[in-house]
């Protein structure tokens, strides 16, 4: 049965696509996770994270059998809501 699990926040060197992709990719490999089971990606919704053509998620799309769903991180969404309340 499918389930959702928030694993952890990952540190990145900078906000460039390559650094973001490398951080996520390294975590997946170190954790012995299967790429084919990755179905969603939570982020701040910045274009470098989820942009259509040149983003971290588009790099994963090119190597995955299915498209990964990009979703807005609930913790970041909540922080923005509190900030602008």
Protein backbone atom coordinates (compact mmCIF):
# COMPACT_ATOMS: atom_id res chain seq x y z
CA UNK A 1 0.00 0.00 0.00
CA UNK A 2 1.44 3.44 -0.93
CA UNK A 3 2.30 5.81 1.86
CA UNK A 4 3.77 9.26 2.26
CA UNK A 5 6.82 9.85 4.37
CA UNK A 6 8.63 13.10 5.03
CA UNK A 7 12.21 11.97 5.27
CA UNK A 8 14.20 15.08 6.09
CA UNK A 9 15.26 18.52 4.95
CA UNK A 10 18.36 18.39 2.80
CA UNK A 11 21.17 20.95 2.90
CA UNK A 12 22.33 22.43 -0.42
CA UNK A 13 25.45 24.42 -1.31
CA UNK A 14 23.49 27.09 -3.19
CA UNK A 15 20.18 27.56 -5.01
CA UNK A 16 21.46 26.52 -8.42
CA UNK A 17 19.75 23.60 -10.09
CA UNK A 18 22.86 21.40 -10.10
CA UNK A 19 23.43 21.78 -6.36
CA UNK A 20 19.79 21.04 -5.55
CA UNK A 21 19.69 18.02 -7.84
CA UNK A 22 23.02 16.69 -6.51
CA UNK A 23 21.85 16.97 -2.89
CA UNK A 24 18.61 15.10 -3.57
CA UNK A 25 20.28 12.50 -5.77
CA UNK A 26 23.03 11.84 -3.19
CA UNK A 27 20.41 11.36 -0.46
CA UNK A 28 18.42 8.91 -2.58
CA UNK A 29 21.52 6.87 -3.39
CA UNK A 30 22.89 6.91 0.20
CA UNK A 31 19.50 5.83 1.56
CA UNK A 32 19.18 2.95 -0.90
CA UNK A 33 15.85 4.30 -2.09
CA UNK A 34 14.46 3.27 -5.46
CA UNK A 35 14.08 6.11 -7.95
CA UNK A 36 11.09 4.39 -9.52
CA UNK A 37 9.19 4.67 -6.22
CA UNK A 38 9.72 8.42 -5.94
CA UNK A 39 6.40 10.08 -6.79
CA UNK A 40 6.50 13.54 -5.23
CA UNK A 41 8.91 16.33 -4.44
CA UNK A 42 8.13 19.00 -1.82
CA UNK A 43 9.82 22.36 -2.20
CA UNK A 44 9.47 26.11 -1.79
CA UNK A 45 8.12 26.22 -5.36
CA UNK A 46 11.09 28.27 -6.58
CA UNK A 47 11.70 27.96 -10.33
CA UNK A 48 15.07 26.30 -9.70
CA UNK A 49 13.21 23.57 -7.82
CA UNK A 50 10.13 22.95 -9.96
CA UNK A 51 10.50 24.94 -13.19
CA UNK A 52 9.23 23.27 -16.34
CA UNK A 53 12.48 23.03 -18.32
CA UNK A 54 15.61 23.68 -16.25
CA UNK A 55 14.98 22.65 -12.67
CA UNK A 56 15.83 19.94 -10.20
CA UNK A 57 12.51 18.20 -10.77
CA UNK A 58 12.87 18.33 -14.57
CA UNK A 59 16.22 16.52 -14.23
CA UNK A 60 14.44 13.72 -12.36
CA UNK A 61 11.65 13.67 -14.96
CA UNK A 62 14.22 12.88 -17.64
CA UNK A 63 15.35 9.71 -15.81
CA UNK A 64 12.06 8.49 -14.36
CA UNK A 65 9.35 6.32 -15.94
CA UNK A 66 6.66 8.64 -14.54
CA UNK A 67 6.55 12.35 -13.87
CA UNK A 68 7.23 13.36 -10.29
CA UNK A 69 4.61 15.55 -8.66
CA UNK A 70 5.97 18.86 -7.38
CA UNK A 71 4.16 20.06 -4.26
CA UNK A 72 4.56 23.07 -2.01
CA UNK A 73 6.25 22.08 1.24
CA UNK A 74 3.64 22.32 4.00
CA UNK A 75 6.16 23.70 6.51
CA UNK A 76 7.19 26.47 4.10
CA UNK A 77 3.55 27.15 3.22
CA UNK A 78 2.67 27.46 6.91
CA UNK A 79 5.62 29.81 7.55
CA UNK A 80 4.48 32.06 4.72
CA UNK A 81 0.91 32.07 6.02
CA UNK A 82 2.07 33.10 9.48
CA UNK A 83 4.42 35.74 8.08
CA UNK A 84 1.69 37.41 6.04
CA UNK A 85 -1.23 36.88 8.45
